[in-house]
Amino acid sequence: MSERWKNYFDSHGAFDQNWLGTAVAHWGFHETLYGMIARHCPAPARILNVGSGPGWSELYLSSIGYDVTGIDNEPSLVELARERAALIGVPAKFEVADAFDLSDFESKFDLVFSCGVLEHFDRDVTVKLLQEQAKCAPKVLIQIPARYTAYTGEITDERIYSINQLSKIVEDAGLRVISKFGYGDLAFTPMQVFLRRVLPRVAWRVAQNKGFAYSLAVIGESSR
């Protein structure tokens, strides 16, 4: 799995000299996600990102005041993220770790999140991974691609869920759902383009939160 993601990020410009453009595009796309993190867990909270890749989210969140740690099981990506953080002068931390064993990080954070990671496992495994994350922080955020991902490329081993199905997964992990939302404009078909043009912004956000979006996310909270 780690070699696969190393190759994925390599093909998407993470290792290029012009990496900053890739990072800026990433930050722009995830604007809503970062806003929801700020709403439910304001800086200077302690945040853990499981499956950090080249560290784009850590660089941004660290720059706005969060105490951020990113973990990944691919050492070359962790080293790359450390180099980028040093280059732009942010204190984000990165470690090599396994998402199936987060014992070194238990009770050390206010929020833990993962983006585009847990949908690559069967449902029961995803529940167990969320339970492992819940040992690290009282709030857990999971983000996955929606079914519209098929318009932008081939779906490989991703498990595709609706927003309500994803919420049920979070609940089965023993967490109370405190927020569920979608983001990422859809403009893959003529009908989607038309709706995006004619719907007021508020109505479009409602549609996204119902799952008419490129990415879906749910925030759960433990009772401890």
Protein backbone atom coordinates (compact mmCIF):
# COMPACT_ATOMS: atom_id res chain seq x y z
CA MET A 1 0.00 0.00 0.00
CA SER A 2 2.76 2.49 0.90
CA GLU A 3 4.56 2.05 -2.44
CA ARG A 4 1.28 2.61 -4.24
CA TRP A 5 0.77 5.97 -2.52
CA LYS A 6 4.35 7.00 -3.02
CA ASN A 7 3.83 6.46 -6.75
CA TYR A 8 0.48 8.27 -6.63
CA PHE A 9 1.93 11.42 -5.06
CA ASP A 10 4.93 11.24 -7.37
CA SER A 11 2.60 11.29 -10.39
CA HIS A 12 0.63 14.20 -8.89
CA GLY A 13 3.59 16.53 -8.51
CA ALA A 14 4.46 16.15 -4.83
CA PHE A 15 8.14 15.58 -5.59
CA ASP A 16 8.41 18.22 -8.35
CA GLN A 17 10.29 21.49 -7.96
CA ASN A 18 7.01 23.25 -8.71
CA TRP A 19 5.31 21.51 -5.77
CA LEU A 20 3.91 24.76 -4.37
CA GLY A 21 1.35 25.00 -7.15
CA THR A 22 0.11 21.52 -6.26
CA ALA A 23 -0.08 22.49 -2.61
CA VAL A 24 -2.05 25.67 -3.32
CA ALA A 25 -4.56 23.73 -5.43
CA HIS A 26 -4.92 21.25 -2.57
CA TRP A 27 -5.53 24.03 -0.04
CA GLY A 28 -8.12 25.68 -2.25
CA PHE A 29 -10.05 22.48 -2.80
CA HIS A 30 -10.14 21.67 0.93
CA GLU A 31 -11.14 25.19 2.04
CA THR A 32 -14.47 23.96 3.41
CA LEU A 33 -12.80 21.11 5.28
CA TYR A 34 -10.36 23.47 6.98
CA GLY A 35 -13.23 25.81 7.82
CA MET A 36 -15.13 23.00 9.52
CA ILE A 37 -12.03 22.01 11.47
CA ALA A 38 -11.72 25.61 12.66
CA ARG A 39 -15.41 25.71 13.63
CA HIS A 40 -15.34 22.54 15.70
CA CYS A 41 -11.76 22.72 16.96
CA PRO A 42 -10.29 26.24 16.87
CA ALA A 43 -6.54 26.91 16.89
CA PRO A 44 -4.24 26.37 18.72
CA ALA A 45 -5.73 22.89 19.08
CA ARG A 46 -3.62 19.76 18.70
CA ILE A 47 -4.43 17.92 15.48
CA LEU A 48 -3.34 14.53 14.14
CA ASN A 49 -3.63 13.67 10.44
CA VAL A 50 -3.61 9.93 9.70
CA GLY A 51 -2.28 9.34 6.19
CA SER A 52 -0.58 12.69 5.72
CA GLY A 53 1.15 11.98 2.40
CA PRO A 54 3.36 14.96 1.42
CA GLY A 55 1.93 17.04 4.27
CA TRP A 56 -0.10 19.66 2.44
CA SER A 57 -2.79 19.92 5.13
CA GLU A 58 -0.23 20.05 7.94
CA LEU A 59 1.64 22.91 6.28
CA TYR A 60 -1.55 24.95 6.00
CA LEU A 61 -3.00 24.17 9.44
CA SER A 62 0.33 24.78 11.13
CA SER A 63 0.62 28.15 9.39
CA ILE A 64 -2.68 29.30 10.93
CA GLY A 65 -1.78 28.35 14.48
CA TYR A 66 -2.52 24.66 14.99
CA ASP A 67 -0.18 22.20 16.69
CA VAL A 68 -0.20 19.60 13.92
CA THR A 69 1.30 16.15 13.57
CA GLY A 70 1.04 14.11 10.38
CA ILE A 71 1.70 10.38 10.20
CA ASP A 72 2.19 8.12 7.20
CA ASN A 73 3.55 4.61 6.68
CA GLU A 74 5.69 5.68 3.71
CA PRO A 75 9.06 7.00 4.99
CA SER A 76 9.90 8.90 1.79
CA LEU A 77 6.67 10.91 2.06
CA VAL A 78 7.34 11.69 5.72
CA GLU A 79 10.83 12.90 4.88
CA LEU A 80 9.47 14.98 2.00
CA ALA A 81 6.88 16.59 4.29
CA ARG A 82 9.58 17.43 6.84
CA GLU A 83 11.66 19.09 4.13
CA ARG A 84 8.70 21.17 2.93
CA ALA A 85 7.86 22.27 6.49
CA ALA A 86 11.46 23.35 7.09
CA LEU A 87 11.56 25.14 3.76
CA ILE A 88 8.55 27.35 4.46
CA GLY A 89 9.27 27.67 8.18
CA VAL A 90 6.26 26.06 9.85
CA PRO A 91 6.49 23.82 12.95
CA ALA A 92 4.39 20.93 11.61
CA LYS A 93 5.65 17.54 12.78
CA PHE A 94 5.73 14.31 10.78
CA GLU A 95 6.30 10.72 11.86
CA VAL A 96 6.31 7.27 10.30
CA ALA A 97 3.47 5.30 11.87
CA ASP A 98 0.84 2.65 11.21
CA ALA A 99 -2.85 3.63 11.20
CA PHE A 100 -3.68 0.25 12.74
CA ASP A 101 -1.60 1.00 15.85
CA LEU A 102 -1.84 4.54 17.19
CA SER A 103 -0.85 3.66 20.76
CA ASP A 104 1.98 6.23 20.72
CA PHE A 105 -0.55 8.99 20.06
CA GLU A 106 -3.33 8.10 22.50
CA SER A 107 -5.00 11.00 24.33
CA LYS A 108 -2.55 13.54 22.92
CA PHE A 109 -4.81 15.43 20.49
CA ASP A 110 -8.03 17.42 20.29
CA LEU A 111 -8.98 16.23 16.80
CA VAL A 112 -7.77 13.49 14.46
CA PHE A 113 -8.66 13.38 10.78
CA SER A 114 -8.01 11.41 7.61
CA CYS A 115 -8.64 12.39 4.00
CA GLY A 116 -9.04 9.84 1.23
CA VAL A 117 -7.65 6.98 3.31
CA LEU A 118 -10.24 4.85 5.06
CA GLU A 119 -12.42 4.18 2.00
CA HIS A 120 -9.70 1.83 0.74
CA PHE A 121 -10.62 -0.73 3.40
CA ASP A 122 -13.67 -2.89 3.92
CA ARG A 123 -16.38 -1.35 6.06
CA ASP A 124 -15.62 -3.34 9.20
CA VAL A 125 -11.93 -2.39 8.95
CA THR A 126 -12.85 1.28 8.53
CA VAL A 127 -14.89 1.09 11.74
CA LYS A 128 -11.90 -0.39 13.59
CA LEU A 129 -9.59 2.30 12.21
CA LEU A 130 -11.96 5.02 13.40
CA GLN A 131 -12.06 3.39 16.83
CA GLU A 132 -8.26 3.46 16.89
CA GLN A 133 -8.29 7.15 15.97
CA ALA A 134 -10.85 7.88 18.68
CA LYS A 135 -8.25 6.78 21.25
CA CYS A 136 -6.15 9.76 20.19
CA ALA A 137 -8.70 12.58 20.32
CA PRO A 138 -12.30 13.27 21.41
CA LYS A 139 -13.21 14.41 17.88
CA VAL A 140 -12.66 12.35 14.73
CA LEU A 141 -13.15 13.57 11.15
CA ILE A 142 -13.29 11.21 8.18
CA GLN A 143 -13.32 12.47 4.58
CA ILE A 144 -13.85 10.27 1.53
CA PRO A 145 -14.59 10.80 -2.18
CA ALA A 146 -18.22 10.70 -3.26
CA ARG A 147 -19.57 8.55 -6.07
CA TYR A 148 -18.97 11.40 -8.52
CA THR A 149 -15.27 10.55 -8.36
CA ALA A 150 -15.99 8.24 -11.28
CA TYR A 151 -16.30 11.28 -13.56
CA THR A 152 -12.69 12.31 -12.96
CA GLY A 153 -10.97 8.95 -13.16
CA GLU A 154 -11.31 5.25 -12.69
CA ILE A 155 -12.46 4.07 -9.27
CA THR A 156 -10.12 1.28 -8.17
CA ASP A 157 -10.56 -0.16 -4.69
CA GLU A 158 -12.43 2.74 -3.07
CA ARG A 159 -15.57 1.86 -1.14
CA ILE A 160 -18.19 4.43 -2.13
CA TYR A 161 -20.71 5.54 0.48
CA SER A 162 -23.49 8.10 0.70
CA ILE A 163 -23.27 10.79 3.37
CA ASN A 164 -25.77 8.90 5.52
CA GLN A 165 -23.91 5.61 5.10
CA LEU A 166 -20.70 7.32 6.13
CA SER A 167 -22.45 8.76 9.18
CA LYS A 168 -23.60 5.27 10.15
CA ILE A 169 -20.00 4.02 9.93
CA VAL A 170 -18.95 6.77 12.33
CA GLU A 171 -21.78 5.83 14.69
CA ASP A 172 -20.81 2.15 14.53
CA ALA A 173 -17.35 3.20 15.68
CA GLY A 174 -18.98 4.45 18.88
CA LEU A 175 -18.99 8.15 18.00
CA ARG A 176 -21.80 10.70 18.02
CA VAL A 177 -22.13 12.52 14.71
CA ILE A 178 -21.87 16.26 15.28
CA SER A 179 -21.48 17.36 11.66
CA LYS A 180 -21.74 15.95 8.15
CA PHE A 181 -21.05 17.90 5.00
CA GLY A 182 -19.98 17.75 1.38
CA TYR A 183 -17.71 20.00 -0.64
CA GLY A 184 -16.14 20.29 -4.06
CA ASP A 185 -18.17 21.73 -6.93
CA LEU A 186 -19.53 19.28 -9.47
CA ALA A 187 -19.37 20.28 -13.13
CA PHE A 188 -18.91 16.96 -14.92
CA THR A 189 -22.22 16.84 -16.79
CA PRO A 190 -24.33 19.54 -18.52
CA MET A 191 -27.00 19.21 -15.82
CA GLN A 192 -24.47 19.76 -13.03
CA VAL A 193 -23.06 22.81 -14.79
CA PHE A 194 -26.57 24.19 -15.22
CA LEU A 195 -27.53 23.63 -11.57
CA ARG A 196 -24.30 25.20 -10.33
CA ARG A 197 -25.09 28.33 -12.35
CA VAL A 198 -28.73 28.75 -11.41
CA LEU A 199 -28.87 27.67 -7.77
CA PRO A 200 -28.21 30.34 -5.11
CA ARG A 201 -25.08 29.73 -3.06
CA VAL A 202 -27.06 28.70 0.02
CA ALA A 203 -29.10 26.17 -1.96
CA TRP A 204 -25.92 24.80 -3.52
CA ARG A 205 -24.38 24.30 -0.07
CA VAL A 206 -27.48 22.44 1.07
CA ALA A 207 -27.20 20.19 -1.98
CA GLN A 208 -23.53 19.55 -1.25
CA ASN A 209 -24.30 18.64 2.34
CA LYS A 210 -26.83 16.12 1.06
CA GLY A 211 -24.05 14.44 -0.92
CA PHE A 212 -24.13 16.34 -4.22
CA ALA A 213 -20.41 16.99 -3.94
CA TYR A 214 -17.02 15.63 -4.85
CA SER A 215 -16.01 14.86 -1.25
CA LEU A 216 -18.01 13.82 1.81
CA ALA A 217 -16.99 14.28 5.44
CA VAL A 218 -18.37 13.43 8.87
CA ILE A 219 -17.18 14.60 12.28
CA GLY A 220 -17.81 12.32 15.22
CA GLU A 221 -17.34 12.95 18.92
CA SER A 222 -16.64 10.41 21.63
CA SER A 223 -18.35 10.48 25.01
CA ARG A 224 -15.11 10.28 27.00
